[in-house]
Amino acid sequence: MYRRISVHLDHGFDCKRRTDLALSLARRHQAELVGIYASAAPPQYYYGESVLMSRTLDVMKQLQAQNRDAVESAFLASAAASDIAAVVRAGDAAPSATVALHARTSDLVIVSQFNPDDIEAAHETEFVEQMLLTTGRPVLVLPSSGEFNAVGNRVLVCWDGSREAARALADATPVLRQAASLVMLTMEEGTAPSKAGVVDFNDVATYCVAHGMPAPSHVRRDIKGVGVGSTILNAAADHSADLIVMGAYGHSKFRQWAMGGATASILKSMTVPIMFSH
């Protein structure tokens, strides 16, 4: 069971969707919810070499504080209505640094896929990517479109035998124990894989069952001409998965994985929530 779940709070319209998913998971795991407010810093306007009048900047900061209070109050009210214990945290650093810092005392953190149309969101260059690399906790990324009030009933786990894949499987154990079905996807590149250095699938299946997960089914896909990201999303659609579990920025026999290409690709085109571990 996850005992503490964090969710990123900001002014974007995806914030409510993240909060709804966080509330759903907190109910299932009887977890405390931590709302981490991290929004973009007030813009600095310049005219020639002079900074905008300090009085105007003070007004902007006051408005931002009021907006922050409104977001945090709405979050706490939603948690109270669901009878879920909740607290809020915030910081003055960049959004990714703030969320990563406070999420380290949680079991899981929920963020959203970058959405260029969500102009009120806490935009930051590679916000999600920075979260994956620096948080030290599994990161559940919510797609920018679709309704996902509950996840983890039908799960697709990406398995290549790497450290990141093993970490992702272990990090997702509390969710996988509650799953109705579990599919493990392995990928090949045009030729039959060498058995040297490959973990026997029976050992992976034994691990899953020993930890109370459903006995996984094994699916193999050829990525040649398709790519890792598209292969994963296609397999998720074929098996009606409502959650994908995978390692982020890992090393494997595939060039795409070694270069982080799979992570970048799937972050752009994801269609279901993905739990990443690094």
Protein backbone atom coordinates (compact mmCIF):
# COMPACT_ATOMS: atom_id res chain seq x y z
CA MET A 1 0.00 0.00 0.00
CA TYR A 2 1.10 3.54 -0.69
CA ARG A 3 0.91 5.49 2.58
CA ARG A 4 1.70 8.97 1.27
CA ILE A 5 0.86 10.26 -2.22
CA SER A 6 1.91 13.67 -3.57
CA VAL A 7 0.22 15.64 -6.32
CA HIS A 8 1.43 18.76 -8.11
CA LEU A 9 -0.83 21.80 -7.64
CA ASP A 10 -0.84 24.86 -9.90
CA HIS A 11 -3.34 27.12 -11.71
CA GLY A 12 -3.68 25.00 -14.84
CA PHE A 13 -6.93 23.31 -15.83
CA ASP A 14 -5.25 19.91 -15.53
CA CYS A 15 -4.82 20.47 -11.79
CA LYS A 16 -8.34 19.25 -11.01
CA ARG A 17 -7.82 16.10 -13.09
CA ARG A 18 -4.60 15.35 -11.19
CA THR A 19 -6.33 15.98 -7.88
CA ASP A 20 -9.24 13.68 -8.78
CA LEU A 21 -6.82 10.87 -9.66
CA ALA A 22 -4.82 11.48 -6.48
CA LEU A 23 -8.00 11.32 -4.39
CA SER A 24 -8.98 8.05 -6.06
CA LEU A 25 -5.59 6.46 -5.33
CA ALA A 26 -5.53 7.82 -1.77
CA ARG A 27 -8.91 6.21 -1.09
CA ARG A 28 -7.76 2.85 -2.45
CA HIS A 29 -4.54 2.89 -0.46
CA GLN A 30 -5.84 4.69 2.64
CA ALA A 31 -3.02 7.15 2.11
CA GLU A 32 -2.35 10.68 3.22
CA LEU A 33 -2.38 13.17 0.35
CA VAL A 34 0.25 15.89 -0.04
CA GLY A 35 -0.58 18.77 -2.35
CA ILE A 36 2.62 20.46 -3.54
CA TYR A 37 1.97 23.94 -4.87
CA ALA A 38 4.53 24.93 -7.48
CA SER A 39 3.65 27.53 -10.06
CA ALA A 40 5.72 29.67 -12.40
CA ALA A 41 7.52 32.62 -10.80
CA PRO A 42 6.12 36.09 -11.53
CA PRO A 43 7.51 37.36 -14.84
CA GLN A 44 10.12 40.10 -14.74
CA TYR A 45 9.34 42.89 -17.17
CA TYR A 46 12.02 45.23 -18.42
CA TYR A 47 11.87 48.53 -20.20
CA GLY A 48 15.29 49.42 -21.41
CA GLU A 49 17.54 48.76 -18.44
CA SER A 50 14.97 49.46 -15.74
CA VAL A 51 12.94 46.85 -13.91
CA LEU A 52 9.19 47.24 -13.63
CA MET A 53 8.28 49.46 -10.69
CA SER A 54 8.64 47.63 -7.39
CA ARG A 55 5.09 48.62 -6.40
CA THR A 56 3.72 46.82 -9.45
CA LEU A 57 5.81 43.75 -8.65
CA ASP A 58 4.44 43.78 -5.11
CA VAL A 59 0.89 43.77 -6.49
CA MET A 60 1.75 40.84 -8.75
CA LYS A 61 3.17 38.91 -5.80
CA GLN A 62 0.04 39.60 -3.76
CA LEU A 63 -2.15 38.33 -6.57
CA GLN A 64 -0.03 35.22 -6.87
CA ALA A 65 -0.34 34.61 -3.11
CA GLN A 66 -4.13 34.96 -3.37
CA ASN A 67 -4.20 32.52 -6.27
CA ARG A 68 -2.04 30.09 -4.34
CA ASP A 69 -4.40 30.29 -1.35
CA ALA A 70 -7.36 29.57 -3.64
CA VAL A 71 -5.68 26.51 -5.18
CA GLU A 72 -4.60 25.11 -1.81
CA SER A 73 -8.03 25.74 -0.24
CA ALA A 74 -9.79 23.97 -3.11
CA PHE A 75 -7.44 21.00 -2.75
CA LEU A 76 -7.95 20.72 1.01
CA ALA A 77 -11.72 21.05 0.60
CA SER A 78 -11.79 18.22 -1.96
CA ALA A 79 -9.74 16.00 0.34
CA ALA A 80 -11.97 16.79 3.32
CA ALA A 81 -15.10 16.00 1.29
CA SER A 82 -13.57 12.60 0.50
CA ASP A 83 -12.54 12.07 4.14
CA ILE A 84 -8.86 11.90 3.16
CA ALA A 85 -6.10 13.33 5.34
CA ALA A 86 -4.26 16.02 3.41
CA VAL A 87 -1.57 18.65 3.83
CA VAL A 88 -0.08 21.27 1.51
CA ARG A 89 3.52 22.18 0.84
CA ALA A 90 5.09 24.87 -1.34
CA GLY A 91 8.40 26.49 -2.20
CA ASP A 92 9.99 29.38 -4.08
CA ALA A 93 12.32 27.34 -6.29
CA ALA A 94 11.60 26.26 -9.86
CA PRO A 95 8.45 24.09 -10.11
CA SER A 96 10.31 20.83 -10.76
CA ALA A 97 12.75 21.46 -7.89
CA THR A 98 9.92 22.32 -5.50
CA VAL A 99 7.82 19.27 -6.36
CA ALA A 100 10.83 16.93 -6.35
CA LEU A 101 11.97 18.16 -2.94
CA HIS A 102 8.66 17.67 -1.16
CA ALA A 103 7.75 14.48 -3.04
CA ARG A 104 10.78 12.67 -1.65
CA THR A 105 8.86 11.99 1.55
CA SER A 106 6.01 10.35 -0.39
CA ASP A 107 5.65 6.96 -2.03
CA LEU A 108 4.39 8.34 -5.33
CA VAL A 109 4.02 11.73 -7.03
CA ILE A 110 1.43 12.66 -9.66
CA VAL A 111 2.11 15.25 -12.39
CA SER A 112 0.69 16.01 -15.83
CA GLN A 113 2.02 15.63 -19.35
CA PHE A 114 3.14 18.95 -20.83
CA ASN A 115 0.17 20.70 -22.43
CA PRO A 116 0.98 23.85 -24.48
CA ASP A 117 -2.69 24.86 -24.39
CA ASP A 118 -2.74 24.97 -20.59
CA ILE A 119 -1.30 28.47 -20.36
CA GLU A 120 -1.95 28.80 -16.61
CA ALA A 121 0.04 25.67 -15.76
CA ALA A 122 3.48 25.84 -14.18
CA HIS A 123 5.38 25.83 -17.43
CA GLU A 124 9.05 25.03 -17.15
CA THR A 125 11.46 23.61 -19.68
CA GLU A 126 11.21 19.80 -19.43
CA PHE A 127 9.28 19.89 -16.17
CA VAL A 128 8.25 16.22 -16.35
CA GLU A 129 11.68 15.09 -17.52
CA GLN A 130 13.31 16.86 -14.58
CA MET A 131 10.84 15.20 -12.24
CA LEU A 132 11.74 11.76 -13.55
CA LEU A 133 15.45 12.36 -13.13
CA THR A 134 15.56 14.17 -9.78
CA THR A 135 12.65 13.08 -7.58
CA GLY A 136 13.91 9.66 -6.52
CA ARG A 137 10.32 8.41 -6.37
CA PRO A 138 8.02 6.82 -8.95
CA VAL A 139 6.29 9.50 -11.00
CA LEU A 140 2.76 8.96 -12.32
CA VAL A 141 2.23 11.13 -15.40
CA LEU A 142 -1.34 11.94 -16.42
CA PRO A 143 -2.03 12.49 -20.15
CA SER A 144 -3.24 15.94 -21.13
CA SER A 145 -6.50 14.53 -22.54
CA GLY A 146 -8.92 11.87 -21.33
CA GLU A 147 -10.57 11.05 -18.03
CA PHE A 148 -8.66 8.77 -15.65
CA ASN A 149 -10.35 8.85 -12.27
CA ALA A 150 -9.09 5.34 -11.51
CA VAL A 151 -6.02 3.50 -12.79
CA GLY A 152 -4.33 0.19 -12.15
CA ASN A 153 -7.01 -2.36 -12.99
CA ARG A 154 -5.38 -3.51 -16.24
CA VAL A 155 -1.65 -2.83 -16.24
CA LEU A 156 1.02 -3.13 -18.92
CA VAL A 157 4.57 -3.45 -17.52
CA CYS A 158 7.52 -2.87 -19.87
CA TRP A 159 10.27 -5.36 -19.11
CA ASP A 160 13.76 -5.45 -20.64
CA GLY A 161 15.67 -6.84 -17.67
CA SER A 162 17.35 -3.49 -16.93
CA ARG A 163 17.90 -1.86 -13.56
CA GLU A 164 15.23 0.73 -14.41
CA ALA A 165 12.69 -1.94 -15.36
CA ALA A 166 13.33 -3.82 -12.11
CA ARG A 167 13.00 -0.59 -10.14
CA ALA A 168 9.74 0.26 -11.91
CA LEU A 169 8.27 -3.17 -11.17
CA ALA A 170 9.17 -2.90 -7.49
CA ASP A 171 7.93 0.70 -7.20
CA ALA A 172 4.58 -0.23 -8.75
CA THR A 173 4.02 -3.25 -6.47
CA PRO A 174 1.29 -1.59 -4.33
CA VAL A 175 -0.72 -0.81 -7.47
CA LEU A 176 -0.02 -4.15 -9.13
CA ARG A 177 -1.28 -6.08 -6.09
CA GLN A 178 -4.69 -4.53 -6.69
CA ALA A 179 -4.71 -5.13 -10.46
CA ALA A 180 -7.14 -7.51 -12.14
CA SER A 181 -4.74 -8.29 -14.99
CA LEU A 182 -1.04 -7.82 -15.65
CA VAL A 183 0.68 -7.98 -19.03
CA MET A 184 4.46 -7.89 -19.31
CA LEU A 185 5.80 -6.53 -22.59
CA THR A 186 9.24 -7.41 -23.91
CA MET A 187 10.55 -5.98 -27.15
CA GLU A 188 12.83 -7.32 -29.84
CA GLU A 189 14.58 -5.67 -32.77
CA GLY A 190 14.07 -7.88 -35.77
CA THR A 191 16.02 -10.93 -34.52
CA ALA A 192 15.53 -13.46 -31.77
CA PRO A 193 17.12 -12.19 -28.54
CA SER A 194 20.25 -13.82 -27.20
CA LYS A 195 19.69 -15.77 -23.99
CA ALA A 196 22.94 -14.44 -22.53
CA GLY A 197 22.23 -11.93 -19.80
CA VAL A 198 18.44 -12.32 -20.12
CA VAL A 199 16.27 -12.94 -17.06
CA ASP A 200 13.99 -15.95 -17.57
CA PHE A 201 10.38 -14.80 -17.74
CA ASN A 202 9.39 -17.55 -15.33
CA ASP A 203 11.55 -15.84 -12.70
CA VAL A 204 9.83 -12.51 -13.34
CA ALA A 205 6.41 -14.20 -13.10
CA THR A 206 7.44 -15.95 -9.88
CA TYR A 207 8.51 -12.61 -8.40
CA CYS A 208 5.15 -11.05 -9.29
CA VAL A 209 3.08 -13.85 -7.79
CA ALA A 210 5.27 -13.97 -4.66
CA HIS A 211 4.42 -10.32 -4.06
CA GLY A 212 0.69 -10.80 -4.46
CA MET A 213 0.38 -9.57 -8.05
CA PRO A 214 -1.68 -11.36 -10.70
CA ALA A 215 0.23 -14.00 -12.67
CA PRO A 216 1.44 -11.97 -15.66
CA SER A 217 0.91 -12.88 -19.28
CA HIS A 218 3.90 -12.39 -21.58
CA VAL A 219 3.72 -10.42 -24.82
CA ARG A 220 6.62 -10.01 -27.24
CA ARG A 221 6.68 -7.26 -29.85
CA ASP A 222 9.11 -6.40 -32.64
CA ILE A 223 10.05 -2.72 -32.61
CA LYS A 224 11.71 -2.72 -36.04
CA GLY A 225 10.14 -0.03 -38.18
CA VAL A 226 7.79 0.97 -35.36
CA GLY A 227 9.91 2.30 -32.51
CA VAL A 228 9.81 1.62 -28.80
CA GLY A 229 7.32 4.34 -27.85
CA SER A 230 4.75 3.39 -30.48
CA THR A 231 5.17 -0.30 -29.67
CA ILE A 232 4.39 0.34 -26.01
CA LEU A 233 1.33 2.47 -26.74
CA ASN A 234 0.03 -0.01 -29.33
CA ALA A 235 0.39 -2.88 -26.86
CA ALA A 236 -1.42 -0.84 -24.20
CA ALA A 237 -4.30 -0.23 -26.59
CA ASP A 238 -4.43 -3.88 -27.67
CA HIS A 239 -4.75 -5.01 -24.06
CA SER A 240 -7.02 -2.13 -22.92
CA ALA A 241 -4.44 -1.13 -20.30
CA ASP A 242 -5.39 1.76 -18.03
CA LEU A 243 -1.82 2.10 -16.73
CA ILE A 244 1.68 1.59 -18.14
CA VAL A 245 4.62 0.90 -15.84
CA MET A 246 8.11 1.46 -17.22
CA GLY A 247 11.63 2.56 -16.42
CA ALA A 248 12.76 6.03 -17.48
CA TYR A 249 16.03 6.96 -19.17
CA GLY A 250 17.46 3.49 -18.84
CA HIS A 251 20.13 1.50 -20.63
CA SER A 252 19.37 -1.66 -22.57
CA LYS A 253 20.22 -3.40 -25.80
CA PHE A 254 18.04 -0.94 -27.70
CA ARG A 255 19.60 2.31 -28.86
CA GLN A 256 16.30 4.08 -28.18
CA TRP A 257 16.43 3.14 -24.51
CA ALA A 258 20.12 3.92 -24.11
CA MET A 259 19.59 7.41 -25.54
CA GLY A 260 16.42 8.04 -23.58
CA GLY A 261 14.48 8.12 -26.85
CA ALA A 262 11.67 5.88 -25.65
CA THR A 263 10.98 8.11 -22.67
CA ALA A 264 10.95 11.29 -24.73
CA SER A 265 8.79 9.75 -27.43
CA ILE A 266 6.17 8.35 -25.11
CA LEU A 267 5.96 11.57 -23.07
CA LYS A 268 4.87 13.37 -26.24
CA SER A 269 2.30 10.85 -27.44
CA MET A 270 1.07 9.10 -24.27
CA THR A 271 -2.59 8.08 -24.25
CA VAL A 272 -2.91 6.45 -20.80
CA PRO A 273 -1.30 7.27 -17.44
CA ILE A 274 2.29 6.05 -17.12
CA MET A 275 4.18 5.32 -13.92
CA PHE A 276 7.88 5.97 -14.51
CA SER A 277 10.81 4.99 -12.31
CA HIS A 278 14.44 6.00 -12.72
